[in-house]
């Protein structure tokens, strides 16, 4: 059985490994096909592609786009994109600029709560990469405010907690359009993470499909086995393809290691089913 992982992150966004290190880690784990899907940034794709060629791993250009939908933040993965497609590149640049503003607002909120120096601390973890909440989480762990990054999110960085700030990301229509028009395939990432009732979830899936979205992550780190089966049923019901990705950010911070997820249910159509030469 081929080992395919279509969702992971490098230091270009909020991962712990450089694109090259990530690919080398994937090779050790027996991954045969890998998509790098950094948040709102495609800056690591060239490096990762070269490293994958050296390791004999099939590489897929990817990205994970931040989206606002009915007051919630969603993530839409693009697979097989053209990273140089101008509307996609321009749209991602706008989102990244917004991340700078959000980071300042998060730091201001934490200041009010008596946690100082968080912007500088998060910047140190981000280096030259994109700024995200995970960089704040790593700083807060280092400062002793929580035992690990998962605890930080629960205590500080989600709605209703001291470091949460609302933010307007790309529209669902724009994100799916950028992906499709660049030649890629749009995938709803980790759908069980969104706090949506049954009706709202159905409306999201139907709207996503109507916009040209083609797939949904069925196997991913934050899904329980029951949730994976639920979203496999949704995929079959709506004619959506099924994707598989670890959402790996780095050793010690991820529920699954690269390539170490369960297989897709046999009655799902994989997102890679028609990729040439493939899978």
Protein backbone atom coordinates (compact mmCIF):
# COMPACT_ATOMS: atom_id res chain seq x y z
CA UNK A 1 0.00 0.00 0.00
CA UNK A 2 1.41 3.39 -1.02
CA UNK A 3 1.96 5.82 1.85
CA UNK A 4 0.51 9.19 0.83
CA UNK A 5 0.52 12.28 3.09
CA UNK A 6 -1.12 15.39 1.67
CA UNK A 7 -1.04 17.84 4.58
CA UNK A 8 2.05 19.04 6.47
CA UNK A 9 3.92 22.20 7.43
CA UNK A 10 7.48 23.50 7.38
CA UNK A 11 9.28 26.45 8.93
CA UNK A 12 7.94 28.58 6.08
CA UNK A 13 4.73 28.70 8.12
CA UNK A 14 4.49 27.13 11.59
CA UNK A 15 6.30 23.81 11.28
CA UNK A 16 9.46 22.92 13.19
CA UNK A 17 11.39 21.43 10.23
CA UNK A 18 12.72 23.17 7.15
CA UNK A 19 11.28 21.96 3.83
CA UNK A 20 14.36 19.80 3.27
CA UNK A 21 14.27 18.35 6.79
CA UNK A 22 10.56 17.66 6.40
CA UNK A 23 11.12 15.67 3.21
CA UNK A 24 14.00 13.77 4.79
CA UNK A 25 11.75 12.93 7.74
CA UNK A 26 9.06 11.75 5.30
CA UNK A 27 11.58 9.51 3.54
CA UNK A 28 12.56 7.86 6.82
CA UNK A 29 8.87 7.26 7.52
CA UNK A 30 8.36 5.57 4.15
CA UNK A 31 6.19 8.27 2.61
CA UNK A 32 5.87 7.75 -1.16
CA UNK A 33 3.96 10.93 -2.05
CA UNK A 34 3.99 14.18 -0.09
CA UNK A 35 2.27 17.56 -0.34
CA UNK A 36 3.74 20.52 1.53
CA UNK A 37 0.79 22.68 2.57
CA UNK A 38 2.15 25.63 4.51
CA UNK A 39 -0.34 28.16 5.81
CA UNK A 40 -0.95 30.92 3.26
CA UNK A 41 2.55 30.60 1.81
CA UNK A 42 4.18 28.69 -1.03
CA UNK A 43 7.73 29.79 -0.32
CA UNK A 44 8.96 26.31 0.63
CA UNK A 45 7.76 24.42 -2.41
CA UNK A 46 10.86 24.69 -4.58
CA UNK A 47 13.18 23.52 -1.82
CA UNK A 48 10.86 20.66 -0.85
CA UNK A 49 10.46 19.55 -4.46
CA UNK A 50 14.24 19.32 -4.94
CA UNK A 51 14.63 17.37 -1.71
CA UNK A 52 11.79 15.02 -2.69
CA UNK A 53 13.39 14.33 -6.08
CA UNK A 54 16.63 13.36 -4.33
CA UNK A 55 14.72 10.94 -2.07
CA UNK A 56 12.50 9.44 -4.78
CA UNK A 57 9.32 10.86 -3.24
CA UNK A 58 6.55 12.13 -5.49
CA UNK A 59 5.97 15.77 -4.57
CA UNK A 60 2.71 17.71 -4.89
CA UNK A 61 2.60 21.51 -4.71
CA UNK A 62 0.25 22.50 -1.91
CA UNK A 63 -0.97 25.31 0.31
CA UNK A 64 -3.43 25.69 3.21
CA UNK A 65 -5.51 28.85 2.84
CA UNK A 66 -7.14 30.58 5.81
CA UNK A 67 -10.81 31.32 5.16
CA UNK A 68 -13.58 33.12 7.04
CA UNK A 69 -17.04 31.55 6.69
CA UNK A 70 -19.99 32.73 8.78
CA UNK A 71 -17.74 34.04 11.51
CA UNK A 72 -15.60 30.93 11.69
CA UNK A 73 -12.08 30.28 10.48
CA UNK A 74 -11.79 27.37 8.07
CA UNK A 75 -8.78 25.95 6.26
CA UNK A 76 -8.88 24.98 2.60
CA UNK A 77 -5.99 22.91 1.25
CA UNK A 78 -4.99 23.31 -2.37
CA UNK A 79 -3.29 20.34 -4.03
CA UNK A 80 -1.53 20.44 -7.38
CA UNK A 81 -1.57 24.24 -7.50
CA UNK A 82 0.54 26.50 -9.67
CA UNK A 83 2.25 28.63 -7.00
CA UNK A 84 3.07 31.33 -9.56
CA UNK A 85 -0.55 31.82 -10.67
CA UNK A 86 -0.93 35.60 -10.12
CA UNK A 87 -4.36 35.71 -8.39
CA UNK A 88 -3.26 32.96 -5.98
CA UNK A 89 0.08 34.61 -5.26
CA UNK A 90 -1.56 38.00 -4.76
CA UNK A 91 -4.32 36.61 -2.56
CA UNK A 92 -1.83 34.80 -0.32
CA UNK A 93 0.22 37.99 0.00
CA UNK A 94 -2.84 39.85 1.28
CA UNK A 95 -3.53 37.10 3.83
CA UNK A 96 0.07 37.16 5.06
CA UNK A 97 -0.09 40.92 5.55
CA UNK A 98 -3.21 40.37 7.62
CA UNK A 99 -1.33 37.88 9.77
CA UNK A 100 1.08 40.62 10.83
CA UNK A 101 -1.83 42.75 12.02
CA UNK A 102 -3.38 39.78 13.83
CA UNK A 103 -0.10 39.02 15.59
CA UNK A 104 0.07 42.54 16.96
CA UNK A 105 -3.51 42.27 18.18
CA UNK A 106 -2.85 38.92 19.88
CA UNK A 107 0.16 40.41 21.65
CA UNK A 108 -1.92 43.40 22.78
CA UNK A 109 -4.55 41.05 24.23
CA UNK A 110 -1.94 39.03 26.07
CA UNK A 111 -0.40 42.25 27.41
CA UNK A 112 -3.75 43.11 28.98
CA UNK A 113 -3.66 39.73 30.71
CA UNK A 114 -0.19 40.43 32.11
CA UNK A 115 1.76 38.36 29.59
CA UNK A 116 4.39 40.69 28.15
CA UNK A 117 6.90 40.27 25.36
CA UNK A 118 4.79 37.80 23.42
CA UNK A 119 5.16 39.50 20.04
CA UNK A 120 8.95 39.46 20.26
CA UNK A 121 8.86 35.91 21.60
CA UNK A 122 6.61 34.70 18.80
CA UNK A 123 8.78 36.48 16.22
CA UNK A 124 11.82 34.64 17.54
CA UNK A 125 10.07 31.31 16.94
CA UNK A 126 8.78 32.37 13.52
CA UNK A 127 12.18 33.52 12.28
CA UNK A 128 11.75 34.66 8.70
CA UNK A 129 8.59 32.61 8.25
CA UNK A 130 4.94 33.48 8.42
CA UNK A 131 3.58 34.49 11.84
CA UNK A 132 0.93 32.23 13.34
CA UNK A 133 -0.73 31.38 16.64
CA UNK A 134 1.51 28.36 17.04
CA UNK A 135 4.51 30.66 17.40
CA UNK A 136 2.75 32.42 20.29
CA UNK A 137 1.92 29.01 21.75
CA UNK A 138 5.56 27.93 21.67
CA UNK A 139 6.58 31.15 23.41
CA UNK A 140 3.94 30.67 26.12
CA UNK A 141 5.11 27.09 26.73
CA UNK A 142 8.71 28.29 26.97
CA UNK A 143 7.61 30.92 29.51
CA UNK A 144 5.83 28.30 31.62
CA UNK A 145 2.24 29.36 31.01
CA UNK A 146 1.22 25.86 29.86
CA UNK A 147 2.75 22.40 29.59
CA UNK A 148 2.48 22.10 25.81
CA UNK A 149 1.11 23.90 22.76
CA UNK A 150 -2.19 22.01 22.86
CA UNK A 151 -2.81 23.32 26.38
CA UNK A 152 -1.91 26.86 25.29
CA UNK A 153 -4.58 26.86 22.62
CA UNK A 154 -7.24 25.68 25.05
CA UNK A 155 -6.26 28.23 27.70
CA UNK A 156 -5.28 31.31 25.70
CA UNK A 157 -5.76 31.32 21.94
CA UNK A 158 -9.32 30.21 21.16
CA UNK A 159 -12.57 32.15 21.26
CA UNK A 160 -13.42 33.40 24.73
CA UNK A 161 -9.82 33.17 25.99
CA UNK A 162 -7.35 36.00 26.73
CA UNK A 163 -5.24 35.81 23.56
CA UNK A 164 -8.05 35.35 21.06
CA UNK A 165 -8.71 38.01 18.44
CA UNK A 166 -11.21 37.79 15.58
CA UNK A 167 -9.81 38.17 12.10
CA UNK A 168 -11.19 38.35 8.58
CA UNK A 169 -9.46 35.93 6.23
CA UNK A 170 -10.15 35.15 2.56
CA UNK A 171 -13.67 34.25 1.45
CA UNK A 172 -14.46 30.62 0.67
CA UNK A 173 -15.26 31.63 -2.88
CA UNK A 174 -11.90 33.33 -3.37
CA UNK A 175 -9.89 30.49 -1.85
CA UNK A 176 -11.55 27.79 -3.93
CA UNK A 177 -11.33 29.97 -7.04
CA UNK A 178 -7.61 30.66 -6.60
CA UNK A 179 -6.92 26.95 -6.19
CA UNK A 180 -9.07 25.77 -9.08
CA UNK A 181 -7.96 28.46 -11.51
CA UNK A 182 -4.33 27.68 -10.75
CA UNK A 183 -4.94 24.10 -11.84
CA UNK A 184 -5.31 22.66 -8.35
CA UNK A 185 -7.89 20.73 -6.38
CA UNK A 186 -9.57 22.28 -3.32
CA UNK A 187 -9.91 20.20 -0.14
CA UNK A 188 -11.65 21.07 3.15
CA UNK A 189 -9.02 20.47 5.84
CA UNK A 190 -9.83 18.64 9.13
CA UNK A 191 -13.61 19.29 8.94
CA UNK A 192 -14.36 17.85 12.39
CA UNK A 193 -12.43 20.71 14.01
CA UNK A 194 -15.01 23.30 13.05
CA UNK A 195 -17.75 23.98 15.56
CA UNK A 196 -20.66 23.54 13.16
CA UNK A 197 -24.02 21.95 13.79
CA UNK A 198 -25.38 19.38 11.37
CA UNK A 199 -27.30 21.92 9.27
CA UNK A 200 -24.41 24.40 9.06
CA UNK A 201 -22.00 21.62 8.15
CA UNK A 202 -24.28 20.47 5.34
CA UNK A 203 -24.56 24.05 4.11
CA UNK A 204 -20.78 24.42 4.13
CA UNK A 205 -20.25 21.20 2.21
CA UNK A 206 -22.91 22.09 -0.36
CA UNK A 207 -21.56 25.62 -0.83
CA UNK A 208 -18.01 24.31 -1.11
CA UNK A 209 -19.06 21.80 -3.76
CA UNK A 210 -21.07 24.43 -5.67
CA UNK A 211 -18.00 26.70 -5.76
CA UNK A 212 -15.94 23.93 -7.31
CA UNK A 213 -14.47 22.32 -4.21
CA UNK A 214 -13.72 18.68 -4.88
CA UNK A 215 -12.50 16.92 -1.75
CA UNK A 216 -12.57 16.62 2.01
CA UNK A 217 -9.99 15.34 4.48
CA UNK A 218 -11.30 12.06 5.84
CA UNK A 219 -8.12 10.82 7.51
CA UNK A 220 -6.29 13.53 9.45
CA UNK A 221 -4.64 13.85 12.84
CA UNK A 222 -7.48 15.57 14.70
CA UNK A 223 -10.19 13.11 13.58
CA UNK A 224 -11.27 10.26 15.79
CA UNK A 225 -12.03 6.97 14.00
CA UNK A 226 -15.73 7.77 14.33
CA UNK A 227 -15.26 11.21 12.78
CA UNK A 228 -13.29 9.73 9.90
CA UNK A 229 -16.16 7.34 9.18
CA UNK A 230 -18.65 10.22 9.40
CA UNK A 231 -16.77 12.33 6.86
CA UNK A 232 -16.25 9.31 4.63
CA UNK A 233 -20.06 9.04 4.53
CA UNK A 234 -20.36 12.76 3.74
CA UNK A 235 -17.83 12.37 0.92
CA UNK A 236 -19.75 9.48 -0.62
CA UNK A 237 -23.11 11.21 -0.17
CA UNK A 238 -21.99 14.41 -1.87
CA UNK A 239 -19.66 12.94 -4.46
CA UNK A 240 -16.57 14.48 -2.88
CA UNK A 241 -13.13 12.90 -3.09
CA UNK A 242 -11.37 11.80 0.10
CA UNK A 243 -7.95 13.04 1.24
CA UNK A 244 -5.44 11.79 3.79
CA UNK A 245 -2.94 14.02 5.61
CA UNK A 246 -1.21 14.07 8.98
CA UNK A 247 -1.25 17.88 9.47
CA UNK A 248 2.28 17.30 10.75
CA UNK A 249 3.99 20.33 12.29
CA UNK A 250 6.95 18.68 13.96
CA UNK A 251 8.13 16.06 16.43
CA UNK A 252 6.33 16.35 19.75
CA UNK A 253 3.65 18.72 18.46
CA UNK A 254 1.56 16.47 16.23
CA UNK A 255 -0.94 13.71 16.92
CA UNK A 256 0.36 11.69 13.95
CA UNK A 257 3.83 11.47 12.49
CA UNK A 258 4.28 11.90 8.74
CA UNK A 259 2.70 9.02 6.87
CA UNK A 260 1.56 7.25 10.04
CA UNK A 261 -2.20 7.59 9.60
CA UNK A 262 -4.84 4.93 8.94
CA UNK A 263 -5.72 4.17 5.35
CA UNK A 264 -8.73 5.75 3.67
CA UNK A 265 -11.92 3.69 3.90
CA UNK A 266 -12.05 1.34 0.92
CA UNK A 267 -15.32 2.76 -0.40
CA UNK A 268 -13.97 6.33 -0.68
CA UNK A 269 -12.56 7.71 -3.93
CA UNK A 270 -9.08 9.08 -3.14
CA UNK A 271 -8.26 12.64 -4.12
CA UNK A 272 -5.29 11.20 -6.02
CA UNK A 273 -7.35 8.66 -8.01
CA UNK A 274 -6.72 10.35 -11.37
CA UNK A 275 -3.21 11.68 -10.87
CA UNK A 276 -1.03 10.61 -13.76
CA UNK A 277 1.37 7.84 -13.25
CA UNK A 278 0.32 7.48 -9.89
CA UNK A 279 -0.66 6.35 -6.94
